[in-house]
């Protein structure tokens, strides 16, 4: 009987620790999935407006106060926008989504001329920083297409 009690006393903390590790792994996997989705959505927005992204050298971090200016105030989903406004709008929308769904989120977009870009999402969960990055090639017209 004493041996059984000792076995339970030793085994129980190990089982609890294993259960907590499994819960943490599940939460981490969910955050990785969210970060991947956000990086992919930014890449899709960039590919949807190649004229705004392809021929510029730029680096942005979101959330960032400089993006929330007049250009980001324009709703480019409903209004014609300049390339600069499209970039600001896309970054503002992306920054808001990151902030709402990832703890301590920071997104970066770095592009060099000819459409070579890197989209990265960094977040901090339980004191551990993690990063997901995508290389994006943005090709297409260098100015908006117009219809007559």
Protein backbone atom coordinates (compact mmCIF):
# COMPACT_ATOMS: atom_id res chain seq x y z
CA UNK A 1 0.00 0.00 0.00
CA UNK A 2 2.83 2.35 0.88
CA UNK A 3 4.56 1.55 -2.41
CA UNK A 4 1.39 2.39 -4.35
CA UNK A 5 1.07 5.74 -2.57
CA UNK A 6 4.70 6.55 -3.33
CA UNK A 7 4.19 5.63 -6.97
CA UNK A 8 1.16 7.95 -7.20
CA UNK A 9 3.05 10.73 -5.41
CA UNK A 10 5.88 10.51 -7.94
CA UNK A 11 3.75 9.93 -11.06
CA UNK A 12 1.07 12.57 -10.50
CA UNK A 13 3.34 15.64 -10.90
CA UNK A 14 4.83 14.12 -14.07
CA UNK A 15 1.37 13.57 -15.54
CA UNK A 16 0.29 17.13 -14.70
CA UNK A 17 3.50 18.49 -16.23
CA UNK A 18 2.95 16.47 -19.39
CA UNK A 19 -0.62 17.72 -19.62
CA UNK A 20 0.48 21.34 -19.22
CA UNK A 21 3.16 20.90 -21.89
CA UNK A 22 0.53 19.49 -24.27
CA UNK A 23 -1.77 22.45 -23.60
CA UNK A 24 1.08 24.90 -24.23
CA UNK A 25 2.03 23.13 -27.47
CA UNK A 26 -1.59 23.38 -28.64
CA UNK A 27 -1.73 27.10 -27.84
CA UNK A 28 1.61 27.68 -29.58
CA UNK A 29 0.39 25.84 -32.67
CA UNK A 30 -2.71 28.05 -32.78
CA UNK A 31 -0.56 31.20 -32.61
CA UNK A 32 1.73 29.90 -35.37
CA UNK A 33 -1.35 29.22 -37.50
CA UNK A 34 -2.67 32.75 -36.90
CA UNK A 35 0.70 34.34 -37.67
CA UNK A 36 0.97 32.32 -40.89
CA UNK A 37 -2.52 33.40 -41.90
CA UNK A 38 -1.67 37.08 -41.28
CA UNK A 39 1.60 36.88 -43.22
CA UNK A 40 -0.22 35.19 -46.10
CA UNK A 41 -3.01 37.77 -46.08
CA UNK A 42 -0.49 40.61 -46.32
CA UNK A 43 1.25 38.83 -49.20
CA UNK A 44 -2.13 38.46 -50.96
CA UNK A 45 -2.88 42.17 -50.49
CA UNK A 46 0.52 43.01 -51.97
CA UNK A 47 -0.05 40.77 -54.98
CA UNK A 48 -3.52 42.29 -55.50
CA UNK A 49 -1.95 45.75 -55.97
CA UNK A 50 1.44 45.13 -57.57
CA UNK A 51 1.58 48.72 -58.87
CA UNK A 52 1.60 49.96 -55.27
CA UNK A 53 4.29 47.59 -53.99
CA UNK A 54 6.51 46.32 -56.82
CA UNK A 55 8.68 49.30 -57.70
CA UNK A 56 9.37 50.73 -54.27
CA UNK A 57 12.09 50.31 -51.72
CA UNK A 58 10.42 50.38 -48.34
CA UNK A 59 10.38 49.03 -44.83
CA UNK A 60 7.39 49.25 -42.52
CA UNK A 61 6.55 48.00 -39.08
CA UNK A 62 2.97 47.69 -37.86
CA UNK A 63 1.39 48.71 -35.64
CA UNK A 64 3.12 52.04 -36.23
CA UNK A 65 1.75 55.51 -35.57
CA UNK A 66 3.10 56.85 -38.89
CA UNK A 67 0.73 54.64 -40.86
CA UNK A 68 -2.38 55.96 -39.17
CA UNK A 69 -2.18 59.31 -40.97
CA UNK A 70 -4.41 60.73 -43.69
CA UNK A 71 -3.51 58.02 -46.23
CA UNK A 72 -4.73 55.24 -43.93
CA UNK A 73 -7.96 57.16 -43.27
CA UNK A 74 -9.05 56.55 -46.88
CA UNK A 75 -11.03 53.33 -47.35
CA UNK A 76 -9.36 51.93 -50.45
CA UNK A 77 -11.87 49.06 -50.52
CA UNK A 78 -14.53 51.61 -51.51
CA UNK A 79 -12.59 54.49 -53.09
CA UNK A 80 -9.94 54.92 -55.76
CA UNK A 81 -6.60 55.37 -54.05
CA UNK A 82 -3.09 56.37 -55.01
CA UNK A 83 -0.35 53.73 -54.65
CA UNK A 84 0.80 55.41 -51.42
CA UNK A 85 -2.74 55.29 -50.02
CA UNK A 86 -3.08 51.62 -50.96
CA UNK A 87 0.14 50.77 -49.13
CA UNK A 88 -0.98 52.75 -46.07
CA UNK A 89 -4.46 51.21 -46.16
CA UNK A 90 -3.14 47.65 -46.50
CA UNK A 91 -0.67 48.17 -43.65
CA UNK A 92 -3.28 49.79 -41.38
CA UNK A 93 -5.75 46.92 -41.96
CA UNK A 94 -3.01 44.35 -41.40
CA UNK A 95 -1.76 46.07 -38.25
CA UNK A 96 -5.26 46.12 -36.78
CA UNK A 97 -5.76 42.41 -37.50
CA UNK A 98 -2.38 41.54 -35.97
CA UNK A 99 -3.08 43.56 -32.85
CA UNK A 100 -6.47 41.89 -32.36
CA UNK A 101 -5.33 38.29 -32.71
CA UNK A 102 -1.70 37.89 -31.61
CA UNK A 103 -0.17 38.88 -28.26
CA UNK A 104 2.56 41.51 -28.62
CA UNK A 105 2.32 41.35 -32.42
CA UNK A 106 4.64 43.28 -34.71
CA UNK A 107 4.49 42.95 -38.49
CA UNK A 108 7.22 44.05 -40.86
CA UNK A 109 7.28 44.47 -44.62
CA UNK A 110 10.57 45.11 -46.40
CA UNK A 111 10.72 45.54 -50.15
CA UNK A 112 13.45 46.37 -52.62
CA UNK A 113 12.89 47.46 -56.22
CA UNK A 114 11.66 44.82 -58.66
CA UNK A 115 9.15 43.40 -56.22
CA UNK A 116 11.33 41.38 -53.86
CA UNK A 117 9.68 41.63 -50.44
CA UNK A 118 9.75 39.91 -47.07
CA UNK A 119 6.70 39.84 -44.82
CA UNK A 120 7.32 38.90 -41.19
CA UNK A 121 5.08 38.52 -38.16
CA UNK A 122 6.56 38.52 -34.67
CA UNK A 123 4.61 37.85 -31.49
CA UNK A 124 5.33 37.29 -27.84
CA UNK A 125 3.45 34.63 -25.93
CA UNK A 126 4.28 33.80 -22.32
CA UNK A 127 7.60 35.61 -22.56
CA UNK A 128 8.72 33.67 -25.64
CA UNK A 129 9.15 35.59 -28.90
CA UNK A 130 8.39 33.83 -32.18
CA UNK A 131 8.64 34.89 -35.83
CA UNK A 132 7.19 33.71 -39.13
CA UNK A 133 8.50 35.18 -42.40
CA UNK A 134 7.46 34.85 -46.04
CA UNK A 135 9.39 35.92 -49.11
CA UNK A 136 7.01 37.54 -51.57
CA UNK A 137 7.64 38.43 -55.20
CA UNK A 138 5.26 41.13 -56.38
CA UNK A 139 5.05 41.35 -60.14
CA UNK A 140 2.57 43.03 -62.41
CA UNK A 141 1.76 46.42 -63.84
CA UNK A 142 3.68 49.32 -62.33
CA UNK A 143 0.62 51.57 -62.47
CA UNK A 144 -3.08 50.94 -61.90
CA UNK A 145 -4.96 49.52 -64.83
CA UNK A 146 -7.80 51.71 -65.99
CA UNK A 147 -10.89 50.77 -67.91
CA UNK A 148 -12.39 53.05 -70.50
